[in-house]
Amino acid sequence: MNHTFTAIDFETAVGKRYSICQIGLVRVENGNIVDEIDMLIQPPFNEYFPMNTSIHGISARMTKNSPTFAQVWSSIKHFFENQEVVAHNASFDMSCLKQVLEYYKLEPVKLTSNCTLKIYGEKLNLLCAKYHIPLDHHNALSDAKACAKLYQMHLNKTN
């Protein structure tokens, strides 16, 4: 079947959801991946909690010269606006998007969201092992690619 959606994953620097430090985005059109974005983002004040860095491996040194979310939003907004957006644990990623837009006083976007965690009811790393999907867990692009594959399987009823 031919489906069009954007799969996303955000990694955060501190305990605030607006502290996005990496964006992983996979655009699927008519069932085919047509674009992938892997972008380091400088979070507010380039501040990191050691616990967050221990999870995803991203540090202030890595993002000191990276753009802020506000600086990249115009180049990625079209992947979200009036689109179907999918994430694994979408409540987290949609909350990140909402909060970062509010933080930088950017207009909210209308979108439809779906969640592969709700669909499958299992952690991403366990699903990837089960279905033999490559995963570098907590790398935002890898997580988004895995989410896209799981959502395609769901839409095509191959899971």
N, C-alpha and C. Protein backbone atom coordinates (compact mmCIF):
# COMPACT_ATOMS: atom_id res chain seq x y z
N MET A 1 0.84 -1.19 0.00
CA MET A 1 0.00 0.00 0.00
C MET A 1 0.88 1.25 0.00
N ASN A 2 0.34 2.33 -0.51
CA ASN A 2 1.08 3.58 -0.59
C ASN A 2 0.66 4.52 0.52
N HIS A 3 1.60 4.79 1.43
CA HIS A 3 1.33 5.66 2.56
C HIS A 3 2.36 6.77 2.61
N THR A 4 1.92 7.92 3.11
CA THR A 4 2.79 9.08 3.23
C THR A 4 2.74 9.57 4.67
N PHE A 5 3.92 9.72 5.28
CA PHE A 5 4.02 10.20 6.66
C PHE A 5 5.45 10.63 6.95
N THR A 6 5.63 11.27 8.10
CA THR A 6 6.95 11.65 8.59
C THR A 6 7.16 10.95 9.92
N ALA A 7 8.25 10.19 10.04
CA ALA A 7 8.63 9.58 11.31
C ALA A 7 9.70 10.45 11.95
N ILE A 8 9.55 10.70 13.25
CA ILE A 8 10.48 11.59 13.94
C ILE A 8 10.99 10.99 15.24
N ASP A 9 12.10 11.52 15.69
CA ASP A 9 12.59 11.25 17.04
C ASP A 9 13.39 12.46 17.48
N PHE A 10 13.19 12.86 18.72
CA PHE A 10 13.97 13.94 19.33
C PHE A 10 14.76 13.38 20.49
N GLU A 11 16.00 13.82 20.63
CA GLU A 11 16.79 13.58 21.83
C GLU A 11 16.88 14.91 22.56
N THR A 12 16.87 14.87 23.89
CA THR A 12 16.89 16.10 24.68
C THR A 12 18.13 16.18 25.56
N ALA A 13 18.51 17.42 25.88
CA ALA A 13 19.75 17.68 26.61
C ALA A 13 19.57 17.70 28.13
N VAL A 14 18.41 18.17 28.58
CA VAL A 14 18.13 18.25 30.02
C VAL A 14 16.72 17.73 30.26
N GLY A 15 16.21 17.91 31.45
CA GLY A 15 14.89 17.40 31.80
C GLY A 15 13.73 18.20 31.22
N LYS A 16 14.01 19.21 30.45
CA LYS A 16 12.96 20.01 29.80
C LYS A 16 12.79 19.53 28.38
N ARG A 17 11.55 19.35 27.97
CA ARG A 17 11.30 18.79 26.64
C ARG A 17 11.65 19.76 25.51
N TYR A 18 11.77 21.03 25.81
CA TYR A 18 12.18 21.98 24.77
C TYR A 18 13.68 21.94 24.51
N SER A 19 14.42 21.13 25.27
CA SER A 19 15.88 21.09 25.16
C SER A 19 16.36 20.11 24.08
N ILE A 20 15.72 20.14 22.93
CA ILE A 20 16.07 19.24 21.83
C ILE A 20 17.53 19.46 21.43
N CYS A 21 18.28 18.35 21.34
CA CYS A 21 19.68 18.43 20.92
C CYS A 21 19.96 17.61 19.67
N GLN A 22 19.01 16.77 19.27
CA GLN A 22 19.15 16.04 18.01
C GLN A 22 17.75 15.77 17.44
N ILE A 23 17.66 15.96 16.13
CA ILE A 23 16.43 15.67 15.39
C ILE A 23 16.73 14.55 14.41
N GLY A 24 15.91 13.51 14.46
CA GLY A 24 15.93 12.48 13.44
C GLY A 24 14.59 12.49 12.73
N LEU A 25 14.61 12.55 11.42
CA LEU A 25 13.37 12.67 10.66
C LEU A 25 13.48 11.82 9.40
N VAL A 26 12.43 11.05 9.15
CA VAL A 26 12.36 10.22 7.95
C VAL A 26 11.04 10.52 7.25
N ARG A 27 11.13 10.94 6.01
CA ARG A 27 9.93 11.23 5.23
C ARG A 27 9.64 10.05 4.31
N VAL A 28 8.43 9.53 4.43
CA VAL A 28 7.98 8.41 3.60
C VAL A 28 6.84 8.92 2.72
N GLU A 29 6.99 8.76 1.42
CA GLU A 29 5.94 9.15 0.49
C GLU A 29 5.61 7.97 -0.40
N ASN A 30 4.33 7.65 -0.46
CA ASN A 30 3.87 6.51 -1.25
C ASN A 30 4.64 5.24 -0.91
N GLY A 31 4.93 5.07 0.38
CA GLY A 31 5.59 3.86 0.86
C GLY A 31 7.09 3.84 0.71
N ASN A 32 7.70 4.90 0.17
CA ASN A 32 9.15 4.94 -0.04
C ASN A 32 9.79 6.06 0.77
N ILE A 33 10.94 5.78 1.36
CA ILE A 33 11.69 6.82 2.05
C ILE A 33 12.25 7.78 1.00
N VAL A 34 11.87 9.05 1.12
CA VAL A 34 12.32 10.05 0.15
C VAL A 34 13.26 11.09 0.77
N ASP A 35 13.33 11.14 2.09
CA ASP A 35 14.22 12.09 2.74
C ASP A 35 14.54 11.62 4.14
N GLU A 36 15.77 11.90 4.58
CA GLU A 36 16.21 11.61 5.93
C GLU A 36 16.98 12.82 6.43
N ILE A 37 16.72 13.21 7.67
CA ILE A 37 17.44 14.33 8.28
C ILE A 37 17.98 13.87 9.63
N ASP A 38 19.25 14.11 9.82
CA ASP A 38 19.92 13.85 11.10
C ASP A 38 20.64 15.13 11.46
N MET A 39 20.14 15.82 12.47
CA MET A 39 20.63 17.16 12.76
C MET A 39 20.91 17.35 14.24
N LEU A 40 22.12 17.79 14.56
CA LEU A 40 22.42 18.20 15.92
C LEU A 40 21.92 19.63 16.10
N ILE A 41 21.32 19.89 17.24
CA ILE A 41 20.71 21.17 17.56
C ILE A 41 21.32 21.68 18.86
N GLN A 42 21.62 22.96 18.91
CA GLN A 42 22.12 23.53 20.16
C GLN A 42 20.92 23.82 21.06
N PRO A 43 20.83 23.14 22.19
CA PRO A 43 19.71 23.40 23.11
C PRO A 43 19.92 24.75 23.81
N PRO A 44 18.90 25.27 24.47
CA PRO A 44 19.05 26.54 25.19
C PRO A 44 20.26 26.53 26.13
N PHE A 45 21.08 27.55 26.00
CA PHE A 45 22.31 27.72 26.80
C PHE A 45 23.32 26.59 26.60
N ASN A 46 23.08 25.74 25.62
CA ASN A 46 23.94 24.58 25.33
C ASN A 46 24.22 23.78 26.61
N GLU A 47 23.20 23.63 27.43
CA GLU A 47 23.30 22.96 28.72
C GLU A 47 22.87 21.49 28.59
N TYR A 48 23.62 20.60 29.25
CA TYR A 48 23.33 19.16 29.23
C TYR A 48 23.35 18.60 30.65
N PHE A 49 22.45 17.67 30.91
CA PHE A 49 22.52 16.86 32.13
C PHE A 49 23.39 15.65 31.82
N PRO A 50 24.28 15.27 32.71
CA PRO A 50 25.12 14.09 32.48
C PRO A 50 24.30 12.83 32.17
N MET A 51 23.14 12.68 32.82
CA MET A 51 22.32 11.49 32.56
C MET A 51 21.85 11.45 31.11
N ASN A 52 21.43 12.59 30.58
CA ASN A 52 20.98 12.62 29.18
C ASN A 52 22.12 12.28 28.23
N THR A 53 23.29 12.87 28.48
CA THR A 53 24.46 12.57 27.65
C THR A 53 24.82 11.09 27.72
N SER A 54 24.66 10.49 28.91
CA SER A 54 24.98 9.06 29.03
C SER A 54 24.03 8.18 28.22
N ILE A 55 22.84 8.68 27.95
CA ILE A 55 21.86 7.92 27.17
C ILE A 55 22.14 8.04 25.67
N HIS A 56 22.32 9.28 25.18
CA HIS A 56 22.46 9.46 23.73
C HIS A 56 23.86 9.80 23.27
N GLY A 57 24.76 10.12 24.17
CA GLY A 57 26.14 10.39 23.80
C GLY A 57 26.41 11.78 23.27
N ILE A 58 25.40 12.66 23.27
CA ILE A 58 25.58 14.01 22.75
C ILE A 58 25.96 14.94 23.90
N SER A 59 26.95 15.81 23.64
CA SER A 59 27.44 16.71 24.69
C SER A 59 27.47 18.15 24.17
N ALA A 60 27.69 19.08 25.10
CA ALA A 60 27.77 20.50 24.75
C ALA A 60 28.89 20.76 23.74
N ARG A 61 29.97 20.05 23.84
CA ARG A 61 31.08 20.19 22.90
C ARG A 61 30.61 19.89 21.47
N MET A 62 29.75 18.90 21.33
CA MET A 62 29.28 18.49 20.00
C MET A 62 28.30 19.48 19.38
N THR A 63 27.59 20.24 20.22
CA THR A 63 26.56 21.15 19.69
C THR A 63 26.91 22.63 19.84
N LYS A 64 28.13 22.93 20.29
CA LYS A 64 28.47 24.34 20.54
C LYS A 64 28.38 25.20 19.28
N ASN A 65 28.59 24.62 18.10
CA ASN A 65 28.49 25.38 16.85
C ASN A 65 27.26 25.00 16.03
N SER A 66 26.36 24.25 16.63
CA SER A 66 25.14 23.82 15.93
C SER A 66 24.09 24.91 15.96
N PRO A 67 23.16 24.89 15.01
CA PRO A 67 22.08 25.88 15.03
C PRO A 67 21.09 25.56 16.15
N THR A 68 20.32 26.57 16.54
CA THR A 68 19.24 26.34 17.50
C THR A 68 18.04 25.80 16.74
N PHE A 69 17.07 25.30 17.47
CA PHE A 69 15.84 24.82 16.84
C PHE A 69 15.18 25.95 16.04
N ALA A 70 15.15 27.14 16.61
CA ALA A 70 14.52 28.27 15.92
C ALA A 70 15.20 28.54 14.58
N GLN A 71 16.49 28.31 14.50
CA GLN A 71 17.23 28.56 13.26
C GLN A 71 16.95 27.51 12.18
N VAL A 72 16.55 26.31 12.55
CA VAL A 72 16.31 25.26 11.55
C VAL A 72 14.82 25.03 11.27
N TRP A 73 13.95 25.56 12.11
CA TRP A 73 12.53 25.25 12.01
C TRP A 73 11.98 25.51 10.61
N SER A 74 12.31 26.63 10.01
CA SER A 74 11.74 26.95 8.69
C SER A 74 12.15 25.92 7.63
N SER A 75 13.28 25.25 7.81
CA SER A 75 13.73 24.26 6.83
C SER A 75 13.10 22.88 7.03
N ILE A 76 12.48 22.65 8.19
CA ILE A 76 11.87 21.34 8.44
C ILE A 76 10.37 21.41 8.71
N LYS A 77 9.84 22.59 8.86
CA LYS A 77 8.43 22.77 9.21
C LYS A 77 7.50 22.02 8.27
N HIS A 78 7.81 22.00 6.98
CA HIS A 78 6.93 21.36 5.99
C HIS A 78 6.80 19.85 6.20
N PHE A 79 7.74 19.25 6.94
CA PHE A 79 7.63 17.82 7.25
C PHE A 79 6.58 17.56 8.34
N PHE A 80 6.16 18.62 9.04
CA PHE A 80 5.22 18.51 10.14
C PHE A 80 3.84 19.09 9.81
N GLU A 81 3.84 20.26 9.20
CA GLU A 81 2.60 21.00 9.01
C GLU A 81 1.63 20.27 8.09
N ASN A 82 0.43 20.02 8.63
CA ASN A 82 -0.64 19.31 7.91
C ASN A 82 -0.21 17.93 7.44
N GLN A 83 0.66 17.29 8.21
CA GLN A 83 1.18 15.97 7.86
C GLN A 83 0.79 14.95 8.93
N GLU A 84 0.92 13.69 8.56
CA GLU A 84 0.83 12.62 9.54
C GLU A 84 2.24 12.41 10.08
N VAL A 85 2.40 12.56 11.38
CA VAL A 85 3.71 12.45 12.03
C VAL A 85 3.67 11.28 13.00
N VAL A 86 4.66 10.41 12.89
CA VAL A 86 4.70 9.17 13.67
C VAL A 86 5.96 9.16 14.52
N ALA A 87 5.82 8.68 15.75
CA ALA A 87 6.98 8.53 16.63
C ALA A 87 6.75 7.31 17.52
N HIS A 88 7.83 6.80 18.09
CA HIS A 88 7.71 5.74 19.08
C HIS A 88 7.69 6.45 20.43
N ASN A 89 6.57 6.37 21.12
CA ASN A 89 6.26 7.16 22.31
C ASN A 89 5.98 8.60 21.86
N ALA A 90 5.00 8.72 20.99
CA ALA A 90 4.66 10.01 20.39
C ALA A 90 4.29 11.06 21.43
N SER A 91 3.78 10.67 22.57
CA SER A 91 3.43 11.68 23.57
C SER A 91 4.68 12.47 23.98
N PHE A 92 5.83 11.81 24.07
CA PHE A 92 7.08 12.50 24.39
C PHE A 92 7.49 13.44 23.25
N ASP A 93 7.56 12.91 22.03
CA ASP A 93 8.06 13.70 20.91
C ASP A 93 7.11 14.85 20.55
N MET A 94 5.80 14.62 20.63
CA MET A 94 4.85 15.70 20.35
C MET A 94 4.93 16.77 21.43
N SER A 95 5.17 16.37 22.66
CA SER A 95 5.36 17.32 23.75
C SER A 95 6.64 18.13 23.54
N CYS A 96 7.70 17.47 23.08
CA CYS A 96 8.95 18.19 22.75
C CYS A 96 8.68 19.24 21.69
N LEU A 97 7.99 18.86 20.64
CA LEU A 97 7.71 19.79 19.55
C LEU A 97 6.89 20.98 20.06
N LYS A 98 5.84 20.69 20.80
CA LYS A 98 4.97 21.75 21.33
C LYS A 98 5.78 22.70 22.22
N GLN A 99 6.59 22.14 23.12
CA GLN A 99 7.33 22.97 24.07
C GLN A 99 8.45 23.77 23.41
N VAL A 100 9.13 23.18 22.42
CA VAL A 100 10.21 23.93 21.76
C VAL A 100 9.63 25.06 20.91
N LEU A 101 8.49 24.84 20.30
CA LEU A 101 7.84 25.91 19.55
C LEU A 101 7.41 27.05 20.48
N GLU A 102 6.88 26.68 21.64
CA GLU A 102 6.50 27.69 22.64
C GLU A 102 7.74 28.44 23.16
N TYR A 103 8.81 27.69 23.44
CA TYR A 103 10.03 28.29 23.99
C TYR A 103 10.56 29.38 23.06
N TYR A 104 10.58 29.08 21.76
CA TYR A 104 11.12 30.04 20.79
C TYR A 104 10.04 30.95 20.19
N LYS A 105 8.81 30.88 20.75
CA LYS A 105 7.70 31.72 20.30
C LYS A 105 7.43 31.55 18.80
N LEU A 106 7.43 30.30 18.37
CA LEU A 106 7.13 29.94 16.98
C LEU A 106 5.69 29.45 16.90
N GLU A 107 5.06 29.68 15.77
CA GLU A 107 3.67 29.28 15.58
C GLU A 107 3.53 27.76 15.69
N PRO A 108 2.51 27.28 16.40
CA PRO A 108 2.25 25.84 16.41
C PRO A 108 1.79 25.37 15.04
N VAL A 109 1.94 24.09 14.78
CA VAL A 109 1.51 23.53 13.50
C VAL A 109 0.39 22.53 13.73
N LYS A 110 -0.44 22.39 12.71
CA LYS A 110 -1.48 21.37 12.74
C LYS A 110 -0.90 20.10 12.14
N LEU A 111 -1.09 19.00 12.82
CA LEU A 111 -0.61 17.72 12.32
C LEU A 111 -1.45 16.62 12.92
N THR A 112 -1.32 15.43 12.37
CA THR A 112 -1.94 14.23 12.92
C THR A 112 -0.81 13.36 13.42
N SER A 113 -0.92 12.88 14.65
CA SER A 113 0.17 12.05 15.17
C SER A 113 -0.29 10.61 15.41
N ASN A 114 0.64 9.71 15.24
CA ASN A 114 0.44 8.29 15.56
C ASN A 114 1.65 7.80 16.33
N CYS A 115 1.44 6.72 17.07
CA CYS A 115 2.46 6.24 17.99
C CYS A 115 2.69 4.74 17.83
N THR A 116 3.90 4.37 17.45
CA THR A 116 4.19 2.94 17.31
C THR A 116 4.29 2.24 18.66
N LEU A 117 4.57 2.98 19.73
CA LEU A 117 4.54 2.36 21.06
C LEU A 117 3.11 1.93 21.40
N LYS A 118 2.14 2.78 21.11
CA LYS A 118 0.74 2.41 21.36
C LYS A 118 0.29 1.28 20.45
N ILE A 119 0.75 1.28 19.21
CA ILE A 119 0.36 0.25 18.26
C ILE A 119 0.90 -1.12 18.68
N TYR A 120 2.18 -1.15 19.03
CA TYR A 120 2.85 -2.43 19.32
C TYR A 120 2.93 -2.77 20.80
N GLY A 121 2.93 -1.76 21.66
CA GLY A 121 2.98 -1.99 23.10
C GLY A 121 4.30 -2.53 23.62
N GLU A 122 5.38 -2.30 22.89
CA GLU A 122 6.71 -2.76 23.31
C GLU A 122 7.74 -1.67 23.07
N LYS A 123 8.85 -1.77 23.80
CA LYS A 123 9.96 -0.83 23.62
C LYS A 123 10.55 -0.96 22.22
N LEU A 124 11.09 0.15 21.74
CA LEU A 124 11.65 0.19 20.39
C LEU A 124 12.77 -0.83 20.19
N ASN A 125 13.68 -0.91 21.14
CA ASN A 125 14.81 -1.85 20.97
C ASN A 125 14.34 -3.30 20.94
N LEU A 126 13.32 -3.64 21.69
CA LEU A 126 12.79 -5.01 21.68
C LEU A 126 12.09 -5.33 20.36
N LEU A 127 11.34 -4.35 19.85
CA LEU A 127 10.67 -4.54 18.56
C LEU A 127 11.68 -4.70 17.43
N CYS A 128 12.73 -3.90 17.47
CA CYS A 128 13.75 -3.99 16.42
C CYS A 128 14.45 -5.34 16.46
N ALA A 129 14.72 -5.85 17.64
CA ALA A 129 15.33 -7.18 17.74
C ALA A 129 14.35 -8.24 17.21
N LYS A 130 13.10 -8.12 17.58
CA LYS A 130 12.07 -9.09 17.17
C LYS A 130 11.89 -9.13 15.65
N TYR A 131 11.90 -7.94 15.02
CA TYR A 131 11.63 -7.86 13.58
C TYR A 131 12.90 -7.65 12.74
N HIS A 132 14.06 -7.78 13.37
CA HIS A 132 15.35 -7.67 12.68
C HIS A 132 15.51 -6.34 11.95
N ILE A 133 15.18 -5.27 12.67
CA ILE A 133 15.32 -3.91 12.15
C ILE A 133 16.60 -3.32 12.74
N PRO A 134 17.51 -2.82 11.91
CA PRO A 134 18.74 -2.22 12.44
C PRO A 134 18.41 -1.05 13.37
N LEU A 135 19.17 -0.94 14.48
CA LEU A 135 18.91 0.14 15.43
C LEU A 135 20.17 0.51 16.18
N ASP A 136 20.49 1.79 16.16
CA ASP A 136 21.50 2.39 17.02
C ASP A 136 20.69 3.22 18.02
N HIS A 137 20.23 2.55 19.07
CA HIS A 137 19.22 3.13 19.96
C HIS A 137 19.68 4.46 20.56
N HIS A 138 18.78 5.42 20.56
CA HIS A 138 18.96 6.79 21.05
C HIS A 138 19.80 7.64 20.12
N ASN A 139 20.06 7.16 18.92
CA ASN A 139 20.48 8.04 17.83
C ASN A 139 19.17 8.43 17.15
N ALA A 140 18.88 9.71 17.09
CA ALA A 140 17.55 10.15 16.65
C ALA A 140 17.20 9.66 15.25
N LEU A 141 18.14 9.69 14.31
CA LEU A 141 17.82 9.22 12.97
C LEU A 141 17.56 7.72 12.96
N SER A 142 18.37 6.97 13.66
CA SER A 142 18.18 5.52 13.71
C SER A 142 16.83 5.17 14.33
N ASP A 143 16.48 5.86 15.41
CA ASP A 143 15.18 5.63 16.05
C ASP A 143 14.03 5.99 15.11
N ALA A 144 14.17 7.10 14.37
CA ALA A 144 13.13 7.52 13.43
C ALA A 144 13.00 6.52 12.28
N LYS A 145 14.13 6.01 11.78
CA LYS A 145 14.08 5.02 10.70
C LYS A 145 13.40 3.74 11.17
N ALA A 146 13.71 3.31 12.39
CA ALA A 146 13.09 2.11 12.94
C ALA A 146 11.59 2.33 13.12
N CYS A 147 11.22 3.50 13.60
CA CYS A 147 9.81 3.83 13.76
C CYS A 147 9.09 3.82 12.42
N ALA A 148 9.73 4.39 11.39
CA ALA A 148 9.13 4.40 10.05
C ALA A 148 8.90 2.98 9.56
N LYS A 149 9.87 2.11 9.75
CA LYS A 149 9.75 0.72 9.31
C LYS A 149 8.61 0.02 10.06
N LEU A 150 8.54 0.21 11.37
CA LEU A 150 7.47 -0.40 12.16
C LEU A 150 6.10 0.12 11.73
N TYR A 151 6.00 1.41 11.45
CA TYR A 151 4.72 1.96 11.04
C TYR A 151 4.32 1.44 9.66
N GLN A 152 5.29 1.32 8.76
CA GLN A 152 4.99 0.75 7.45
C GLN A 152 4.50 -0.70 7.59
N MET A 153 5.14 -1.46 8.47
CA MET A 153 4.71 -2.84 8.71
C MET A 153 3.27 -2.85 9.22
N HIS A 154 2.96 -1.96 10.12
CA HIS A 154 1.60 -1.87 10.66
C HIS A 154 0.60 -1.52 9.56
N LEU A 155 0.93 -0.51 8.77
CA LEU A 155 0.02 -0.09 7.70
C LEU A 155 -0.18 -1.19 6.65
N ASN A 156 0.88 -1.93 6.40
CA ASN A 156 0.82 -3.01 5.41
C ASN A 156 0.39 -4.35 6.02
N LYS A 157 0.13 -4.34 7.33
CA LYS A 157 -0.31 -5.54 8.07
C LYS A 157 0.67 -6.71 7.92
N THR A 158 1.99 -6.37 8.03
CA THR A 158 3.01 -7.42 7.91
C THR A 158 3.67 -7.71 9.26
N ASN A 159 3.09 -7.22 10.35
CA ASN A 159 3.66 -7.50 11.67
C ASN A 159 2.88 -8.57 12.40
